[in-house]
Amino acid sequence: MEVTARTKHLSISPQKLRLVCDKVRGLDALQAKTVLAYMPQKGAGFVIKTLASAIANAENNYDIDPATLIVAQIWADEGTRLKRVKAGARGRYKPRVKRLSHLTVVLAPRQNTEE
């Protein structure tokens, strides 16, 4: 049974968010939460909130113990882009693109390798 949590329209570029996602992919859910708490990146805050939501979904909706969960999949997709302009020299304009992200976290129960 896989448990999913999704957060949309995060104000961070997907490239920066993917760097944080790569650090916690494959870890235990509670261990990933601890690792994210000590990361200095802005994206770590977004990932820890979405991970906490996925853990809460597993507990409340499916009665799964959080200690048995691992981060099976985590990815950041590109969201919409906010297009803004800044005035440039000689009456020109300079475009500014503010990128937004969609974050998805999928948790799955740990597989026993003893069998």
PDB file of N, CA and C in Angstrom:
ATOM      1  N   MET A   1       0.837  -1.172   0.000  1.00  0.00           N
ATOM      2  CA  MET A   1       0.000   0.000   0.000  1.00  0.00           C
ATOM      3  C   MET A   1       0.888   1.244   0.000  1.00  0.00           C
ATOM      4  N   GLU A   2       0.773   2.049  -1.038  1.00  0.00           N
ATOM      5  CA  GLU A   2       1.546   3.282  -1.139  1.00  0.00           C
ATOM      6  C   GLU A   2       0.703   4.454  -0.678  1.00  0.00           C
ATOM      7  N   VAL A   3       1.330   5.380  -0.002  1.00  0.00           N
ATOM      8  CA  VAL A   3       0.664   6.567   0.510  1.00  0.00           C
ATOM      9  C   VAL A   3       1.290   7.784  -0.159  1.00  0.00           C
ATOM     10  N   THR A   4       0.451   8.688  -0.654  1.00  0.00           N
ATOM     11  CA  THR A   4       0.930   9.826  -1.428  1.00  0.00           C
ATOM     12  C   THR A   4       0.521  11.137  -0.771  1.00  0.00           C
ATOM     13  N   ALA A   5       1.404  12.116  -0.858  1.00  0.00           N
ATOM     14  CA  ALA A   5       1.094  13.495  -0.477  1.00  0.00           C
ATOM     15  C   ALA A   5       1.653  14.401  -1.565  1.00  0.00           C
ATOM     16  N   ARG A   6       0.891  15.438  -1.907  1.00  0.00           N
ATOM     17  CA  ARG A   6       1.266  16.308  -3.009  1.00  0.00           C
ATOM     18  C   ARG A   6       1.088  17.761  -2.574  1.00  0.00           C
ATOM     19  N   THR A   7       2.060  18.594  -2.886  1.00  0.00           N
ATOM     20  CA  THR A   7       1.972  20.026  -2.616  1.00  0.00           C
ATOM     21  C   THR A   7       2.230  20.759  -3.924  1.00  0.00           C
ATOM     22  N   LYS A   8       1.353  21.697  -4.249  1.00  0.00           N
ATOM     23  CA  LYS A   8       1.464  22.392  -5.534  1.00  0.00           C
ATOM     24  C   LYS A   8       1.759  23.872  -5.335  1.00  0.00           C
ATOM     25  N   HIS A   9       2.313  24.469  -6.367  1.00  0.00           N
ATOM     26  CA  HIS A   9       2.584  25.906  -6.449  1.00  0.00           C
ATOM     27  C   HIS A   9       3.529  26.379  -5.342  1.00  0.00           C
ATOM     28  N   LEU A  10       4.626  25.652  -5.153  1.00  0.00           N
ATOM     29  CA  LEU A  10       5.653  26.055  -4.194  1.00  0.00           C
ATOM     30  C   LEU A  10       6.539  27.122  -4.829  1.00  0.00           C
ATOM     31  N   SER A  11       6.885  28.146  -4.069  1.00  0.00           N
ATOM     32  CA  SER A  11       7.651  29.261  -4.626  1.00  0.00           C
ATOM     33  C   SER A  11       9.158  28.986  -4.572  1.00  0.00           C
ATOM     34  N   ILE A  12       9.561  27.950  -5.299  1.00  0.00           N
ATOM     35  CA  ILE A  12      10.977  27.595  -5.431  1.00  0.00           C
ATOM     36  C   ILE A  12      11.111  26.882  -6.771  1.00  0.00           C
ATOM     37  N   SER A  13      12.247  27.036  -7.408  1.00  0.00           N
ATOM     38  CA  SER A  13      12.418  26.404  -8.712  1.00  0.00           C
ATOM     39  C   SER A  13      12.574  24.889  -8.537  1.00  0.00           C
ATOM     40  N   PRO A  14      12.091  24.118  -9.506  1.00  0.00           N
ATOM     41  CA  PRO A  14      12.198  22.662  -9.395  1.00  0.00           C
ATOM     42  C   PRO A  14      13.642  22.173  -9.323  1.00  0.00           C
ATOM     43  N   GLN A  15      14.555  22.875  -9.964  1.00  0.00           N
ATOM     44  CA  GLN A  15      15.959  22.468  -9.952  1.00  0.00           C
ATOM     45  C   GLN A  15      16.517  22.493  -8.534  1.00  0.00           C
ATOM     46  N   LYS A  16      16.179  23.521  -7.766  1.00  0.00           N
ATOM     47  CA  LYS A  16      16.669  23.628  -6.391  1.00  0.00           C
ATOM     48  C   LYS A  16      15.971  22.619  -5.483  1.00  0.00           C
ATOM     49  N   LEU A  17      14.692  22.356  -5.753  1.00  0.00           N
ATOM     50  CA  LEU A  17      13.939  21.419  -4.930  1.00  0.00           C
ATOM     51  C   LEU A  17      14.397  19.983  -5.162  1.00  0.00           C
ATOM     52  N   ARG A  18      14.818  19.668  -6.375  1.00  0.00           N
ATOM     53  CA  ARG A  18      15.287  18.312  -6.689  1.00  0.00           C
ATOM     54  C   ARG A  18      16.574  17.971  -5.942  1.00  0.00           C
ATOM     55  N   LEU A  19      17.406  18.967  -5.669  1.00  0.00           N
ATOM     56  CA  LEU A  19      18.638  18.720  -4.913  1.00  0.00           C
ATOM     57  C   LEU A  19      18.320  18.221  -3.512  1.00  0.00           C
ATOM     58  N   VAL A  20      17.262  18.744  -2.909  1.00  0.00           N
ATOM     59  CA  VAL A  20      16.849  18.303  -1.578  1.00  0.00           C
ATOM     60  C   VAL A  20      16.200  16.924  -1.664  1.00  0.00           C
ATOM     61  N   CYS A  21      15.391  16.707  -2.697  1.00  0.00           N
ATOM     62  CA  CYS A  21      14.699  15.421  -2.861  1.00  0.00           C
ATOM     63  C   CYS A  21      15.685  14.269  -3.001  1.00  0.00           C
ATOM     64  N   ASP A  22      16.792  14.519  -3.684  1.00  0.00           N
ATOM     65  CA  ASP A  22      17.778  13.467  -3.911  1.00  0.00           C
ATOM     66  C   ASP A  22      18.429  12.996  -2.602  1.00  0.00           C
ATOM     67  N   LYS A  23      18.479  13.867  -1.595  1.00  0.00           N
ATOM     68  CA  LYS A  23      19.120  13.513  -0.328  1.00  0.00           C
ATOM     69  C   LYS A  23      18.289  12.543   0.507  1.00  0.00           C
ATOM     70  N   VAL A  24      16.949  12.567   0.356  1.00  0.00           N
ATOM     71  CA  VAL A  24      16.101  11.754   1.232  1.00  0.00           C
ATOM     72  C   VAL A  24      15.456  10.567   0.524  1.00  0.00           C
ATOM     73  N   ARG A  25      15.638  10.439  -0.769  1.00  0.00           N
ATOM     74  CA  ARG A  25      15.034   9.330  -1.509  1.00  0.00           C
ATOM     75  C   ARG A  25      15.604   8.003  -1.019  1.00  0.00           C
ATOM     76  N   GLY A  26      14.717   7.073  -0.642  1.00  0.00           N
ATOM     77  CA  GLY A  26      15.127   5.752  -0.185  1.00  0.00           C
ATOM     78  C   GLY A  26      15.343   5.629   1.315  1.00  0.00           C
ATOM     79  N   LEU A  27      15.308   6.735   2.052  1.00  0.00           N
ATOM     80  CA  LEU A  27      15.503   6.680   3.502  1.00  0.00           C
ATOM     81  C   LEU A  27      14.206   6.282   4.211  1.00  0.00           C
ATOM     82  N   ASP A  28      14.336   5.882   5.473  1.00  0.00           N
ATOM     83  CA  ASP A  28      13.150   5.689   6.298  1.00  0.00           C
ATOM     84  C   ASP A  28      12.462   7.034   6.460  1.00  0.00           C
ATOM     85  N   ALA A  29      11.146   7.015   6.610  1.00  0.00           N
ATOM     86  CA  ALA A  29      10.383   8.257   6.665  1.00  0.00           C
ATOM     87  C   ALA A  29      10.774   9.112   7.860  1.00  0.00           C
ATOM     88  N   LEU A  30      10.921   8.503   9.025  1.00  0.00           N
ATOM     89  CA  LEU A  30      11.280   9.269  10.218  1.00  0.00           C
ATOM     90  C   LEU A  30      12.734   9.746  10.169  1.00  0.00           C
ATOM     91  N   GLN A  31      13.599   8.931   9.573  1.00  0.00           N
ATOM     92  CA  GLN A  31      14.998   9.331   9.415  1.00  0.00           C
ATOM     93  C   GLN A  31      15.104  10.488   8.425  1.00  0.00           C
ATOM     94  N   ALA A  32      14.311  10.447   7.365  1.00  0.00           N
ATOM     95  CA  ALA A  32      14.307  11.523   6.370  1.00  0.00           C
ATOM     96  C   ALA A  32      13.845  12.829   7.001  1.00  0.00           C
ATOM     97  N   LYS A  33      12.874  12.740   7.899  1.00  0.00           N
ATOM     98  CA  LYS A  33      12.386  13.931   8.590  1.00  0.00           C
ATOM     99  C   LYS A  33      13.501  14.568   9.427  1.00  0.00           C
ATOM    100  N   THR A  34      14.304  13.741  10.076  1.00  0.00           N
ATOM    101  CA  THR A  34      15.418  14.240  10.883  1.00  0.00           C
ATOM    102  C   THR A  34      16.494  14.871  10.008  1.00  0.00           C
ATOM    103  N   VAL A  35      16.805  14.233   8.895  1.00  0.00           N
ATOM    104  CA  VAL A  35      17.818  14.764   7.979  1.00  0.00           C
ATOM    105  C   VAL A  35      17.381  16.129   7.441  1.00  0.00           C
ATOM    106  N   LEU A  36      16.113  16.237   7.072  1.00  0.00           N
ATOM    107  CA  LEU A  36      15.604  17.490   6.515  1.00  0.00           C
ATOM    108  C   LEU A  36      15.600  18.617   7.542  1.00  0.00           C
ATOM    109  N   ALA A  37      15.406  18.280   8.815  1.00  0.00           N
ATOM    110  CA  ALA A  37      15.355  19.308   9.855  1.00  0.00           C
ATOM    111  C   ALA A  37      16.689  20.047   9.990  1.00  0.00           C
ATOM    112  N   TYR A  38      17.797  19.408   9.617  1.00  0.00           N
ATOM    113  CA  TYR A  38      19.114  20.020   9.763  1.00  0.00           C
ATOM    114  C   TYR A  38      19.690  20.517   8.443  1.00  0.00           C
ATOM    115  N   MET A  39      18.912  20.507   7.375  1.00  0.00           N
ATOM    116  CA  MET A  39      19.400  21.011   6.095  1.00  0.00           C
ATOM    117  C   MET A  39      19.146  22.514   6.005  1.00  0.00           C
ATOM    118  N   PRO A  40      20.123  23.290   5.501  1.00  0.00           N
ATOM    119  CA  PRO A  40      19.959  24.743   5.456  1.00  0.00           C
ATOM    120  C   PRO A  40      19.149  25.249   4.256  1.00  0.00           C
ATOM    121  N   GLN A  41      18.859  24.397   3.287  1.00  0.00           N
ATOM    122  CA  GLN A  41      18.189  24.849   2.071  1.00  0.00           C
ATOM    123  C   GLN A  41      16.735  25.240   2.330  1.00  0.00           C
ATOM    124  N   LYS A  42      16.241  26.176   1.523  1.00  0.00           N
ATOM    125  CA  LYS A  42      14.847  26.603   1.616  1.00  0.00           C
ATOM    126  C   LYS A  42      13.907  25.456   1.273  1.00  0.00           C
ATOM    127  N   GLY A  43      14.278  24.631   0.314  1.00  0.00           N
ATOM    128  CA  GLY A  43      13.433  23.526  -0.120  1.00  0.00           C
ATOM    129  C   GLY A  43      13.230  22.467   0.943  1.00  0.00           C
ATOM    130  N   ALA A  44      14.115  22.371   1.905  1.00  0.00           N
ATOM    131  CA  ALA A  44      13.981  21.374   2.964  1.00  0.00           C
ATOM    132  C   ALA A  44      12.719  21.613   3.786  1.00  0.00           C
ATOM    133  N   GLY A  45      12.363  22.858   3.984  1.00  0.00           N
ATOM    134  CA  GLY A  45      11.140  23.180   4.716  1.00  0.00           C
ATOM    135  C   GLY A  45       9.898  22.708   3.984  1.00  0.00           C
ATOM    136  N   PHE A  46       9.886  22.873   2.653  1.00  0.00           N
ATOM    137  CA  PHE A  46       8.753  22.414   1.848  1.00  0.00           C
ATOM    138  C   PHE A  46       8.650  20.891   1.867  1.00  0.00           C
ATOM    139  N   VAL A  47       9.788  20.225   1.754  1.00  0.00           N
ATOM    140  CA  VAL A  47       9.795  18.763   1.706  1.00  0.00           C
ATOM    141  C   VAL A  47       9.384  18.178   3.059  1.00  0.00           C
ATOM    142  N   ILE A  48       9.836  18.781   4.160  1.00  0.00           N
ATOM    143  CA  ILE A  48       9.499  18.236   5.481  1.00  0.00           C
ATOM    144  C   ILE A  48       7.998  18.368   5.754  1.00  0.00           C
ATOM    145  N   LYS A  49       7.376  19.439   5.277  1.00  0.00           N
ATOM    146  CA  LYS A  49       5.930  19.597   5.469  1.00  0.00           C
ATOM    147  C   LYS A  49       5.153  18.568   4.653  1.00  0.00           C
ATOM    148  N   THR A  50       5.576  18.339   3.418  1.00  0.00           N
ATOM    149  CA  THR A  50       4.892  17.369   2.573  1.00  0.00           C
ATOM    150  C   THR A  50       5.113  15.956   3.088  1.00  0.00           C
ATOM    151  N   LEU A  51       6.318  15.664   3.583  1.00  0.00           N
ATOM    152  CA  LEU A  51       6.607  14.363   4.169  1.00  0.00           C
ATOM    153  C   LEU A  51       5.769  14.124   5.428  1.00  0.00           C
ATOM    154  N   ALA A  52       5.630  15.141   6.251  1.00  0.00           N
ATOM    155  CA  ALA A  52       4.796  15.027   7.447  1.00  0.00           C
ATOM    156  C   ALA A  52       3.338  14.775   7.076  1.00  0.00           C
ATOM    157  N   SER A  53       2.879  15.379   5.993  1.00  0.00           N
ATOM    158  CA  SER A  53       1.515  15.154   5.521  1.00  0.00           C
ATOM    159  C   SER A  53       1.335  13.717   5.044  1.00  0.00           C
ATOM    160  N   ALA A  54       2.334  13.185   4.350  1.00  0.00           N
ATOM    161  CA  ALA A  54       2.260  11.800   3.879  1.00  0.00           C
ATOM    162  C   ALA A  54       2.257  10.823   5.053  1.00  0.00           C
ATOM    163  N   ILE A  55       3.049  11.108   6.083  1.00  0.00           N
ATOM    164  CA  ILE A  55       3.073  10.249   7.270  1.00  0.00           C
ATOM    165  C   ILE A  55       1.722  10.290   7.978  1.00  0.00           C
ATOM    166  N   ALA A  56       1.142  11.482   8.078  1.00  0.00           N
ATOM    167  CA  ALA A  56      -0.176  11.619   8.705  1.00  0.00           C
ATOM    168  C   ALA A  56      -1.250  10.899   7.891  1.00  0.00           C
ATOM    169  N   ASN A  57      -1.148  10.947   6.565  1.00  0.00           N
ATOM    170  CA  ASN A  57      -2.094  10.213   5.710  1.00  0.00           C
ATOM    171  C   ASN A  57      -2.002   8.713   5.968  1.00  0.00           C
ATOM    172  N   ALA A  58      -0.778   8.213   6.118  1.00  0.00           N
ATOM    173  CA  ALA A  58      -0.586   6.777   6.358  1.00  0.00           C
ATOM    174  C   ALA A  58      -1.189   6.365   7.696  1.00  0.00           C
ATOM    175  N   GLU A  59      -0.974   7.188   8.734  1.00  0.00           N
ATOM    176  CA  GLU A  59      -1.491   6.861  10.065  1.00  0.00           C
ATOM    177  C   GLU A  59      -3.013   6.929  10.121  1.00  0.00           C
ATOM    178  N   ASN A  60      -3.570   8.019   9.640  1.00  0.00           N
ATOM    179  CA  ASN A  60      -5.002   8.265   9.800  1.00  0.00           C
ATOM    180  C   ASN A  60      -5.885   7.524   8.801  1.00  0.00           C
ATOM    181  N   ASN A  61      -5.426   7.419   7.575  1.00  0.00           N
ATOM    182  CA  ASN A  61      -6.279   6.820   6.537  1.00  0.00           C
ATOM    183  C   ASN A  61      -6.090   5.318   6.390  1.00  0.00           C
ATOM    184  N   TYR A  62      -4.874   4.823   6.647  1.00  0.00           N
ATOM    185  CA  TYR A  62      -4.581   3.415   6.384  1.00  0.00           C
ATOM    186  C   TYR A  62      -4.103   2.648   7.612  1.00  0.00           C
ATOM    187  N   ASP A  63      -3.990   3.290   8.758  1.00  0.00           N
ATOM    188  CA  ASP A  63      -3.520   2.660  10.000  1.00  0.00           C
ATOM    189  C   ASP A  63      -2.169   1.972   9.830  1.00  0.00           C
ATOM    190  N   ILE A  64      -1.228   2.660   9.208  1.00  0.00           N
ATOM    191  CA  ILE A  64       0.120   2.133   9.005  1.00  0.00           C
ATOM    192  C   ILE A  64       1.047   2.792  10.017  1.00  0.00           C
ATOM    193  N   ASP A  65       1.919   2.010  10.642  1.00  0.00           N
ATOM    194  CA  ASP A  65       2.883   2.529  11.601  1.00  0.00           C
ATOM    195  C   ASP A  65       3.965   3.324  10.859  1.00  0.00           C
ATOM    196  N   PRO A  66       4.225   4.571  11.238  1.00  0.00           N
ATOM    197  CA  PRO A  66       5.226   5.381  10.530  1.00  0.00           C
ATOM    198  C   PRO A  66       6.640   4.805  10.589  1.00  0.00           C
ATOM    199  N   ALA A  67       6.932   3.986  11.602  1.00  0.00           N
ATOM    200  CA  ALA A  67       8.277   3.417  11.725  1.00  0.00           C
ATOM    201  C   ALA A  67       8.571   2.396  10.632  1.00  0.00           C
ATOM    202  N   THR A  68       7.542   1.899   9.950  1.00  0.00           N
ATOM    203  CA  THR A  68       7.742   0.902   8.904  1.00  0.00           C
ATOM    204  C   THR A  68       7.771   1.504   7.499  1.00  0.00           C
ATOM    205  N   LEU A  69       7.673   2.821   7.390  1.00  0.00           N
ATOM    206  CA  LEU A  69       7.582   3.466   6.076  1.00  0.00           C
ATOM    207  C   LEU A  69       8.943   3.936   5.575  1.00  0.00           C
ATOM    208  N   ILE A  70       9.119   3.874   4.259  1.00  0.00           N
ATOM    209  CA  ILE A  70      10.292   4.436   3.607  1.00  0.00           C
ATOM    210  C   ILE A  70       9.826   5.405   2.523  1.00  0.00           C
ATOM    211  N   VAL A  71      10.712   6.305   2.130  1.00  0.00           N
ATOM    212  CA  VAL A  71      10.412   7.234   1.043  1.00  0.00           C
ATOM    213  C   VAL A  71      10.684   6.483  -0.264  1.00  0.00           C
ATOM    214  N   ALA A  72       9.626   5.911  -0.825  1.00  0.00           N
ATOM    215  CA  ALA A  72       9.780   5.089  -2.034  1.00  0.00           C
ATOM    216  C   ALA A  72      10.074   5.965  -3.246  1.00  0.00           C
ATOM    217  N   GLN A  73       9.300   7.040  -3.401  1.00  0.00           N
ATOM    218  CA  GLN A  73       9.492   7.952  -4.525  1.00  0.00           C
ATOM    219  C   GLN A  73       9.295   9.371  -4.030  1.00  0.00           C
ATOM    220  N   ILE A  74      10.071  10.275  -4.582  1.00  0.00           N
ATOM    221  CA  ILE A  74       9.897  11.700  -4.307  1.00  0.00           C
ATOM    222  C   ILE A  74      10.388  12.446  -5.535  1.00  0.00           C
ATOM    223  N   TRP A  75       9.573  13.392  -6.003  1.00  0.00           N
ATOM    224  CA  TRP A  75       9.989  14.144  -7.178  1.00  0.00           C
ATOM    225  C   TRP A  75       9.382  15.537  -7.166  1.00  0.00           C
ATOM    226  N   ALA A  76      10.026  16.430  -7.915  1.00  0.00           N
ATOM    227  CA  ALA A  76       9.572  17.811  -8.044  1.00  0.00           C
ATOM    228  C   ALA A  76       9.353  18.088  -9.524  1.00  0.00           C
ATOM    229  N   ASP A  77       8.135  18.468  -9.861  1.00  0.00           N
ATOM    230  CA  ASP A  77       7.788  18.822 -11.231  1.00  0.00           C
ATOM    231  C   ASP A  77       7.719  20.338 -11.366  1.00  0.00           C
ATOM    232  N   GLU A  78       7.818  20.783 -12.601  1.00  0.00           N
ATOM    233  CA  GLU A  78       7.722  22.209 -12.854  1.00  0.00           C
ATOM    234  C   GLU A  78       6.256  22.637 -12.824  1.00  0.00           C
ATOM    235  N   GLY A  79       5.974  23.708 -12.115  1.00  0.00           N
ATOM    236  CA  GLY A  79       4.621  24.251 -12.052  1.00  0.00           C
ATOM    237  C   GLY A  79       4.472  25.400 -13.036  1.00  0.00           C
ATOM    238  N   THR A  80       3.559  26.285 -12.739  1.00  0.00           N
ATOM    239  CA  THR A  80       3.362  27.450 -13.591  1.00  0.00           C
ATOM    240  C   THR A  80       4.520  28.421 -13.409  1.00  0.00           C
ATOM    241  N   ARG A  81       4.631  29.352 -14.323  1.00  0.00           N
ATOM    242  CA  ARG A  81       5.675  30.364 -14.247  1.00  0.00           C
ATOM    243  C   ARG A  81       5.023  31.735 -14.118  1.00  0.00           C
ATOM    244  N   LEU A  82       5.531  32.522 -13.189  1.00  0.00           N
ATOM    245  CA  LEU A  82       5.072  33.899 -13.066  1.00  0.00           C
ATOM    246  C   LEU A  82       6.004  34.760 -13.907  1.00  0.00           C
ATOM    247  N   LYS A  83       5.444  35.443 -14.879  1.00  0.00           N
ATOM    248  CA  LYS A  83       6.261  36.262 -15.769  1.00  0.00           C
ATOM    249  C   LYS A  83       6.117  37.720 -15.366  1.00  0.00           C
ATOM    250  N   ARG A  84       7.232  38.309 -14.971  1.00  0.00           N
ATOM    251  CA  ARG A  84       7.275  39.694 -14.542  1.00  0.00           C
ATOM    252  C   ARG A  84       8.312  40.425 -15.387  1.00  0.00           C
ATOM    253  N   VAL A  85       8.252  41.758 -15.379  1.00  0.00           N
ATOM    254  CA  VAL A  85       9.230  42.538 -16.136  1.00  0.00           C
ATOM    255  C   VAL A  85       9.849  43.592 -15.235  1.00  0.00           C
ATOM    256  N   LYS A  86      11.079  43.940 -15.562  1.00  0.00           N
ATOM    257  CA  LYS A  86      11.785  45.007 -14.867  1.00  0.00           C
ATOM    258  C   LYS A  86      12.244  45.991 -15.931  1.00  0.00           C
ATOM    259  N   ALA A  87      12.130  47.255 -15.642  1.00  0.00           N
ATOM    260  CA  ALA A  87      12.534  48.271 -16.609  1.00  0.00           C
ATOM    261  C   ALA A  87      14.044  48.222 -16.828  1.00  0.00           C
ATOM    262  N   GLY A  88      14.433  48.324 -18.082  1.00  0.00           N
ATOM    263  CA  GLY A  88      15.843  48.304 -18.424  1.00  0.00           C
ATOM    264  C   GLY A  88      16.286  49.641 -18.985  1.00  0.00           C
ATOM    265  N   ALA A  89      17.510  49.697 -19.421  1.00  0.00           N
ATOM    266  CA  ALA A  89      18.059  50.936 -19.969  1.00  0.00           C
ATOM    267  C   ALA A  89      17.418  51.257 -21.314  1.00  0.00           C
ATOM    268  N   ARG A  90      17.328  52.539 -21.635  1.00  0.00           N
ATOM    269  CA  ARG A  90      16.824  53.046 -22.917  1.00  0.00           C
ATOM    270  C   ARG A  90      15.396  52.610 -23.207  1.00  0.00           C
ATOM    271  N   GLY A  91      14.581  52.524 -22.192  1.00  0.00           N
ATOM    272  CA  GLY A  91      13.170  52.217 -22.397  1.00  0.00           C
ATOM    273  C   GLY A  91      12.872  50.762 -22.687  1.00  0.00           C
ATOM    274  N   ARG A  92      13.862  49.911 -22.548  1.00  0.00           N
ATOM    275  CA  ARG A  92      13.628  48.487 -22.785  1.00  0.00           C
ATOM    276  C   ARG A  92      13.105  47.835 -21.516  1.00  0.00           C
ATOM    277  N   TYR A  93      12.760  46.546 -21.638  1.00  0.00           N
ATOM    278  CA  TYR A  93      12.333  45.810 -20.449  1.00  0.00           C
ATOM    279  C   TYR A  93      13.149  44.536 -20.344  1.00  0.00           C
ATOM    280  N   LYS A  94      13.301  44.097 -19.124  1.00  0.00           N
ATOM    281  CA  LYS A  94      14.035  42.867 -18.841  1.00  0.00           C
ATOM    282  C   LYS A  94      13.060  41.867 -18.229  1.00  0.00           C
ATOM    283  N   PRO A  95      12.821  40.738 -18.911  1.00  0.00           N
ATOM    284  CA  PRO A  95      11.868  39.766 -18.351  1.00  0.00           C
ATOM    285  C   PRO A  95      12.448  39.037 -17.141  1.00  0.00           C
ATOM    286  N   ARG A  96      11.590  38.791 -16.156  1.00  0.00           N
ATOM    287  CA  ARG A  96      11.931  37.999 -14.974  1.00  0.00           C
ATOM    288  C   ARG A  96      10.949  36.836 -14.913  1.00  0.00           C
ATOM    289  N   VAL A  97      11.463  35.633 -14.806  1.00  0.00           N
ATOM    290  CA  VAL A  97      10.605  34.455 -14.728  1.00  0.00           C
ATOM    291  C   VAL A  97      10.762  33.842 -13.343  1.00  0.00           C
ATOM    292  N   LYS A  98       9.657  33.783 -12.595  1.00  0.00           N
ATOM    293  CA  LYS A  98       9.668  33.173 -11.269  1.00  0.00           C
ATOM    294  C   LYS A  98       9.041  31.798 -11.393  1.00  0.00           C
ATOM    295  N   ARG A  99       9.852  30.781 -11.173  1.00  0.00           N
ATOM    296  CA  ARG A  99       9.397  29.409 -11.382  1.00  0.00           C
ATOM    297  C   ARG A  99       8.748  28.853 -10.116  1.00  0.00           C
ATOM    298  N   LEU A 100       7.690  28.069 -10.298  1.00  0.00           N
ATOM    299  CA  LEU A 100       7.000  27.405  -9.204  1.00  0.00           C
ATOM    300  C   LEU A 100       7.127  25.898  -9.387  1.00  0.00           C
ATOM    301  N   SER A 101       6.939  25.146  -8.303  1.00  0.00           N
ATOM    302  CA  SER A 101       7.141  23.694  -8.328  1.00  0.00           C
ATOM    303  C   SER A 101       5.938  22.964  -7.766  1.00  0.00           C
ATOM    304  N   HIS A 102       5.806  21.707  -8.185  1.00  0.00           N
ATOM    305  CA  HIS A 102       4.861  20.764  -7.598  1.00  0.00           C
ATOM    306  C   HIS A 102       5.686  19.626  -7.005  1.00  0.00           C
ATOM    307  N   LEU A 103       5.458  19.310  -5.724  1.00  0.00           N
ATOM    308  CA  LEU A 103       6.230  18.279  -5.021  1.00  0.00           C
ATOM    309  C   LEU A 103       5.338  17.093  -4.715  1.00  0.00           C
ATOM    310  N   THR A 104       5.816  15.888  -4.991  1.00  0.00           N
ATOM    311  CA  THR A 104       5.083  14.659  -4.702  1.00  0.00           C
ATOM    312  C   THR A 104       5.966  13.727  -3.887  1.00  0.00           C
ATOM    313  N   VAL A 105       5.397  13.196  -2.791  1.00  0.00           N
ATOM    314  CA  VAL A 105       6.099  12.247  -1.923  1.00  0.00           C
ATOM    315  C   VAL A 105       5.264  10.977  -1.849  1.00  0.00           C
ATOM    316  N   VAL A 106       5.883   9.827  -2.131  1.00  0.00           N
ATOM    317  CA  VAL A 106       5.211   8.529  -2.057  1.00  0.00           C
ATOM    318  C   VAL A 106       5.938   7.675  -1.019  1.00  0.00           C
ATOM    319  N   LEU A 107       5.187   7.248  -0.008  1.00  0.00           N
ATOM    320  CA  LEU A 107       5.731   6.381   1.035  1.00  0.00           C
ATOM    321  C   LEU A 107       5.211   4.966   0.842  1.00  0.00           C
ATOM    322  N   ALA A 108       6.048   3.987   1.145  1.00  0.00           N
ATOM    323  CA  ALA A 108       5.651   2.578   1.028  1.00  0.00           C
ATOM    324  C   ALA A 108       6.198   1.832   2.240  1.00  0.00           C
ATOM    325  N   PRO A 109       5.521   0.745   2.641  1.00  0.00           N
ATOM    326  CA  PRO A 109       6.055  -0.056   3.752  1.00  0.00           C
ATOM    327  C   PRO A 109       7.374  -0.724   3.381  1.00  0.00           C
ATOM    328  N   ARG A 110       8.239  -0.872   4.352  1.00  0.00           N
ATOM    329  CA  ARG A 110       9.555  -1.491   4.137  1.00  0.00           C
ATOM    330  C   ARG A 110       9.374  -2.955   3.815  1.00  0.00           C
ATOM    331  N   GLN A 111      10.106  -3.453   2.827  1.00  0.00           N
ATOM    332  CA  GLN A 111      10.062  -4.866   2.456  1.00  0.00           C
ATOM    333  C   GLN A 111      11.024  -5.646   3.335  1.00  0.00           C
ATOM    334  N   ASN A 112      10.588  -6.763   3.870  1.00  0.00           N
ATOM    335  CA  ASN A 112      11.468  -7.607   4.683  1.00  0.00           C
ATOM    336  C   ASN A 112      12.370  -8.417   3.773  1.00  0.00           C
ATOM    337  N   THR A 113      13.677  -8.294   3.961  1.00  0.00           N
ATOM    338  CA  THR A 113      14.640  -9.009   3.134  1.00  0.00           C
ATOM    339  C   THR A 113      15.018 -10.350   3.763  1.00  0.00           C
ATOM    340  N   GLU A 114      14.484 -10.652   4.941  1.00  0.00           N
ATOM    341  CA  GLU A 114      14.840 -11.889   5.626  1.00  0.00           C
ATOM    342  C   GLU A 114      14.163 -13.103   5.011  1.00  0.00           C
ATOM    343  N   GLU A 115      13.080 -12.879   4.284  1.00  0.00           N
ATOM    344  CA  GLU A 115      12.296 -14.015   3.763  1.00  0.00           C
ATOM    345  C   GLU A 115      12.982 -14.682   2.626  1.00  0.00           C
TER     346      GLU A 115
END
